[in-house]
Amino acid sequence: MKNVGSFLLFLVLVMGGGIVIGTLTAPGEWYQNLQKPFFNPPNWLFGPVWSVLYLAIAFVGWRVWRHKYLANLQRLWIIQMALNFSWSPVFFAAQKPALALVIILCLLLTIAVFIRAAWQSDRPSALLFAPYIAWVGFASALNAAIVSLN
C-alpha cells in the first residue's frame, strides 16, 4: 500500500503540476497570431500527448525515487521536471520563445543524459523516457521554427 501511496504522490505532483501550469499559461491571442511552421500540430493534440507523457514521467520518478543507489537519476529527474515546468510560463506567459528554446534544448539534453544514465541501472525507466525525448525533440523543432518565423 505504501508503494501505491507514493506513486499517487508522484502522479499528483507531475500531472497536477502540468495541469496547473497548462491552465495558467494557456495559449492566447499572442500565440494565435504567431507564424507557425507547416508541421505545427492541431492544438487539441497537446493535451492528450502530455497527459500520457506526464503519466510516464511520474512513474519513472516514482521508480527512481524508491532506490537510494539511483541518486544520480533522481537529480536528473528533478532537473528535467524543473525545465519541463518552466517552459510554458516562459513561452506563453512571458512570451519569450527564444528563451523558451534555450530551456527546451536544455530539457532535451537532460532527458538524453537521463536515458543514457538509466540504461544500465534502470532500463525500464530509460525506455519509458523514449517517447518523452521524441516529443520534446519535436517540440524543440517547433519552438525553433516559431523563433525563426517570428
Protein backbone atom coordinates (compact mmCIF):
# COMPACT_ATOMS: atom_id res chain seq x y z
CA MET A 1 0.00 0.00 0.00
CA LYS A 2 2.94 2.34 0.72
CA ASN A 3 4.08 1.98 -2.90
CA VAL A 4 0.62 2.90 -4.20
CA GLY A 5 0.52 5.98 -1.99
CA SER A 6 3.97 7.13 -3.04
CA PHE A 7 3.14 6.57 -6.72
CA LEU A 8 -0.05 8.61 -6.30
CA LEU A 9 2.05 11.40 -4.78
CA PHE A 10 4.27 11.45 -7.88
CA LEU A 11 1.20 11.32 -10.11
CA VAL A 12 -0.39 14.30 -8.32
CA LEU A 13 2.89 16.22 -8.40
CA VAL A 14 3.54 15.69 -12.10
CA MET A 15 0.02 15.60 -13.54
CA GLY A 16 -1.27 18.24 -11.14
CA GLY A 17 1.69 20.50 -11.83
CA GLY A 18 1.27 20.05 -15.56
CA ILE A 19 -2.46 20.80 -15.39
CA VAL A 20 -1.98 23.89 -13.22
CA ILE A 21 0.82 25.27 -15.38
CA GLY A 22 -1.07 24.44 -18.58
CA THR A 23 -4.20 26.17 -17.28
CA LEU A 24 -2.37 29.26 -16.05
CA THR A 25 -0.34 29.62 -19.26
CA ALA A 26 -2.90 28.55 -21.85
CA PRO A 27 -2.07 29.82 -25.34
CA GLY A 28 -3.86 33.05 -26.01
CA GLU A 29 -4.19 35.65 -28.73
CA TRP A 30 -0.43 36.29 -28.81
CA TYR A 31 0.26 32.64 -29.67
CA GLN A 32 -2.58 32.50 -32.18
CA ASN A 33 -1.04 35.44 -34.07
CA LEU A 34 2.42 33.87 -34.38
CA GLN A 35 3.58 32.45 -37.68
CA LYS A 36 3.83 28.69 -37.30
CA PRO A 37 5.58 26.06 -39.40
CA PHE A 38 3.75 23.63 -41.66
CA PHE A 39 4.34 20.80 -39.17
CA ASN A 40 2.56 22.56 -36.29
CA PRO A 41 0.07 20.01 -34.92
CA PRO A 42 -3.51 20.94 -34.04
CA ASN A 43 -3.90 22.43 -30.57
CA TRP A 44 -6.16 19.58 -29.38
CA LEU A 45 -3.25 17.11 -29.71
CA PHE A 46 -1.08 18.65 -26.99
CA GLY A 47 -3.34 17.77 -24.03
CA PRO A 48 -3.62 14.03 -24.71
CA VAL A 49 0.08 13.71 -25.59
CA TRP A 50 1.24 15.49 -22.46
CA SER A 51 -1.19 13.50 -20.31
CA VAL A 52 0.37 10.22 -21.44
CA LEU A 53 3.88 11.63 -21.13
CA TYR A 54 3.22 13.00 -17.64
CA LEU A 55 1.95 9.59 -16.56
CA ALA A 56 5.23 8.02 -17.74
CA ILE A 57 7.29 10.83 -16.15
CA ALA A 58 5.50 10.31 -12.82
CA PHE A 59 6.02 6.55 -12.97
CA VAL A 60 9.73 6.96 -13.78
CA GLY A 61 10.14 9.49 -10.96
CA TRP A 62 8.47 7.08 -8.56
CA ARG A 63 10.72 4.21 -9.76
CA VAL A 64 13.98 6.07 -9.33
CA TRP A 65 12.96 7.69 -6.05
CA ARG A 66 12.44 4.31 -4.36
CA HIS A 67 16.12 3.38 -4.72
CA LYS A 68 18.85 5.33 -2.90
CA TYR A 69 21.50 3.94 -5.27
CA LEU A 70 19.83 5.86 -8.12
CA ALA A 71 20.68 9.29 -6.65
CA ASN A 72 22.14 10.47 -9.98
CA LEU A 73 18.89 9.57 -11.75
CA GLN A 74 16.91 11.30 -9.02
CA ARG A 75 18.85 14.53 -9.59
CA LEU A 76 18.37 14.28 -13.37
CA TRP A 77 14.66 13.62 -12.89
CA ILE A 78 14.31 16.75 -10.74
CA ILE A 79 16.23 18.87 -13.27
CA GLN A 80 14.11 17.67 -16.20
CA MET A 81 10.95 18.32 -14.20
CA ALA A 82 12.05 21.88 -13.36
CA LEU A 83 12.91 22.55 -17.00
CA ASN A 84 9.67 20.96 -18.18
CA PHE A 85 7.56 23.05 -15.81
CA SER A 86 9.42 26.28 -16.68
CA TRP A 87 8.95 26.08 -20.45
CA SER A 88 5.25 27.04 -20.69
CA PRO A 89 5.46 30.08 -18.40
CA VAL A 90 8.44 31.38 -20.37
CA PHE A 91 6.98 30.67 -23.81
CA PHE A 92 3.31 31.54 -23.27
CA ALA A 93 3.13 33.83 -20.22
CA ALA A 94 6.39 35.77 -20.67
CA GLN A 95 6.05 35.48 -24.48
CA LYS A 96 9.76 34.76 -24.89
CA PRO A 97 10.06 31.94 -27.44
CA ALA A 98 13.84 32.37 -27.84
CA LEU A 99 14.43 31.91 -24.11
CA ALA A 100 11.94 29.02 -24.14
CA LEU A 101 14.03 27.44 -26.91
CA VAL A 102 17.08 27.51 -24.64
CA ILE A 103 15.02 25.87 -21.89
CA ILE A 104 13.61 23.15 -24.13
CA LEU A 105 17.03 22.35 -25.56
CA CYS A 106 18.36 22.00 -22.01
CA LEU A 107 15.37 19.76 -21.28
CA LEU A 108 16.13 17.65 -24.35
CA LEU A 109 19.75 17.27 -23.25
CA THR A 110 18.73 16.38 -19.69
CA ILE A 111 16.33 13.70 -20.90
CA ALA A 112 19.06 12.26 -23.13
CA VAL A 113 21.52 12.20 -20.22
CA PHE A 114 18.85 10.57 -18.03
CA ILE A 115 18.20 7.86 -20.62
CA ARG A 116 21.90 7.17 -21.02
CA ALA A 117 22.47 7.06 -17.25
CA ALA A 118 19.41 4.85 -16.68
CA TRP A 119 20.23 2.41 -19.48
CA GLN A 120 22.39 0.18 -17.25
CA SER A 121 20.80 0.69 -13.84
CA ASP A 122 17.08 1.07 -14.67
CA ARG A 123 16.38 0.16 -18.29
CA PRO A 124 12.55 0.28 -17.92
CA SER A 125 12.83 3.94 -16.89
CA ALA A 126 15.14 4.65 -19.82
CA LEU A 127 12.67 3.03 -22.22
CA LEU A 128 9.72 4.87 -20.69
CA PHE A 129 11.52 8.14 -21.45
CA ALA A 130 11.89 7.26 -25.16
CA PRO A 131 8.51 8.74 -26.18
CA TYR A 132 9.26 11.74 -23.99
CA ILE A 133 12.55 12.53 -25.73
CA ALA A 134 10.89 12.02 -29.12
CA TRP A 135 8.12 14.50 -28.27
CA VAL A 136 10.48 17.04 -26.72
CA GLY A 137 12.71 16.74 -29.80
CA PHE A 138 9.68 17.52 -31.97
CA ALA A 139 8.63 20.35 -29.66
CA SER A 140 12.16 21.75 -29.82
CA ALA A 141 11.99 21.83 -33.61
CA LEU A 142 8.58 23.50 -33.40
CA ASN A 143 9.89 26.08 -30.91
CA ALA A 144 12.94 26.76 -33.12
CA ALA A 145 10.72 27.20 -36.17
CA ILE A 146 8.48 29.66 -34.34
CA VAL A 147 11.55 31.66 -33.27
CA SER A 148 12.80 31.64 -36.85
CA LEU A 149 9.47 32.64 -38.38
CA ASN A 150 8.76 35.42 -35.91
